[in-house]
C-alpha atoms as a PDB file:
ATOM      1  CA  MET A   1     -25.524   7.875  -2.530  1.00  0.00           C
ATOM      2  CA  ARG A   2     -26.469   4.560  -1.466  1.00  0.00           C
ATOM      3  CA  CYS A   3     -24.185   1.915  -2.440  1.00  0.00           C
ATOM      4  CA  ASN A   4     -25.952  -1.342  -4.154  1.00  0.00           C
ATOM      5  CA  ASP A   5     -22.919  -3.949  -3.187  1.00  0.00           C
ATOM      6  CA  PRO A   6     -23.916  -5.704  -0.487  1.00  0.00           C
ATOM      7  CA  LEU A   7     -20.419  -5.338   1.423  1.00  0.00           C
ATOM      8  CA  TYR A   8     -20.943  -2.028   1.914  1.00  0.00           C
ATOM      9  CA  ILE A   9     -22.760  -1.544   5.536  1.00  0.00           C
ATOM     10  CA  PHE A  10     -18.800  -3.056   5.968  1.00  0.00           C
ATOM     11  CA  ASP A  11     -16.865  -0.947   4.620  1.00  0.00           C
ATOM     12  CA  ALA A  12     -14.371  -0.261   7.276  1.00  0.00           C
ATOM     13  CA  ARG A  13     -14.422   3.909   6.687  1.00  0.00           C
ATOM     14  CA  LEU A  14     -18.354   4.051   7.454  1.00  0.00           C
ATOM     15  CA  ILE A  15     -18.546   1.095   9.822  1.00  0.00           C
ATOM     16  CA  ASP A  16     -18.748   3.376  12.880  1.00  0.00           C
ATOM     17  CA  ARG A  17     -21.108   5.455  11.573  1.00  0.00           C
ATOM     18  CA  HIS A  18     -23.215   2.816  10.100  1.00  0.00           C
ATOM     19  CA  ILE A  19     -23.390   1.068  13.421  1.00  0.00           C
ATOM     20  CA  LYS A  20     -24.168   5.062  14.911  1.00  0.00           C
ATOM     21  CA  GLN A  21     -27.327   5.097  12.339  1.00  0.00           C
ATOM     22  CA  GLY A  22     -28.216   1.708  13.503  1.00  0.00           C
ATOM     23  CA  LEU A  23     -28.185   0.090  10.189  1.00  0.00           C
ATOM     24  CA  ILE A  24     -26.194  -2.646  11.397  1.00  0.00           C
ATOM     25  CA  ALA A  25     -25.295  -3.738  15.037  1.00  0.00           C
ATOM     26  CA  GLU A  26     -22.004  -4.392  16.519  1.00  0.00           C
ATOM     27  CA  SER A  27     -22.754  -8.059  16.635  1.00  0.00           C
ATOM     28  CA  ASP A  28     -23.861  -8.460  12.666  1.00  0.00           C
ATOM     29  CA  LEU A  29     -20.054  -6.955  12.428  1.00  0.00           C
ATOM     30  CA  ASN A  30     -18.776  -9.286  14.469  1.00  0.00           C
ATOM     31  CA  ALA A  31     -20.413 -12.375  12.978  1.00  0.00           C
ATOM     32  CA  PHE A  32     -19.008 -10.225   9.298  1.00  0.00           C
ATOM     33  CA  VAL A  33     -15.448 -10.479  10.727  1.00  0.00           C
ATOM     34  CA  GLN A  34     -16.151 -14.689  11.994  1.00  0.00           C
ATOM     35  CA  SER A  35     -16.812 -15.626   8.490  1.00  0.00           C
ATOM     36  CA  LEU A  36     -14.198 -14.475   6.733  1.00  0.00           C
ATOM     37  CA  PRO A  37     -11.989 -16.410   5.327  1.00  0.00           C
ATOM     38  CA  ASP A  38      -8.394 -17.255   7.049  1.00  0.00           C
ATOM     39  CA  ARG A  39      -5.954 -15.815   4.462  1.00  0.00           C
ATOM     40  CA  THR A  40      -2.571 -15.604   7.153  1.00  0.00           C
ATOM     41  CA  GLU A  41      -1.014 -18.607   4.401  1.00  0.00           C
ATOM     42  CA  ASN A  42      -1.085 -15.066   1.528  1.00  0.00           C
ATOM     43  CA  ALA A  43       0.757 -13.182   4.179  1.00  0.00           C
ATOM     44  CA  GLU A  44       4.822 -11.949   4.100  1.00  0.00           C
ATOM     45  CA  SER A  45       7.122 -10.976   6.725  1.00  0.00           C
ATOM     46  CA  LEU A  46       8.748  -7.409   5.734  1.00  0.00           C
ATOM     47  CA  SER A  47      11.828  -5.963   7.867  1.00  0.00           C
ATOM     48  CA  VAL A  48      12.438  -2.865   7.519  1.00  0.00           C
ATOM     49  CA  PRO A  49      15.366  -0.730   8.553  1.00  0.00           C
ATOM     50  CA  PHE A  50      15.187   2.656  10.879  1.00  0.00           C
ATOM     51  CA  GLU A  51      17.516   5.317  10.378  1.00  0.00           C
ATOM     52  CA  PRO A  52      16.303   8.477  12.376  1.00  0.00           C
ATOM     53  CA  THR A  53      16.905  11.684  10.429  1.00  0.00           C
ATOM     54  CA  PRO A  54      20.190  13.075  11.188  1.00  0.00           C
ATOM     55  CA  GLY A  55      19.913  16.027  13.575  1.00  0.00           C
ATOM     56  CA  SER A  56      16.498  14.480  15.528  1.00  0.00           C
ATOM     57  CA  GLU A  57      15.793  12.998  18.727  1.00  0.00           C
ATOM     58  CA  ASN A  58      16.427   9.671  18.486  1.00  0.00           C
ATOM     59  CA  PRO A  59      11.983   8.673  19.545  1.00  0.00           C
ATOM     60  CA  VAL A  60      12.302   5.245  20.428  1.00  0.00           C
ATOM     61  CA  THR A  61      13.917   3.899  23.704  1.00  0.00           C
ATOM     62  CA  SER A  62      14.724   1.216  25.227  1.00  0.00           C
ATOM     63  CA  ALA A  63      12.263  -0.163  27.962  1.00  0.00           C
ATOM     64  CA  ALA A  64      15.615  -1.114  30.589  1.00  0.00           C
END
């Protein structure tokens, strides 16, 4: 089923398939990404505390 939305071709879930099928070129994707507006002013920093699961090894190691 095809979608009538012109942005469908750039759907992140389908972009690899569309490139392999020749529907678009990587240069088309790059041009599309460059045309997107910068939304960094809408970004928000988050702090997420890490609490290891009791009884498990700590997968996070320090780079000493």
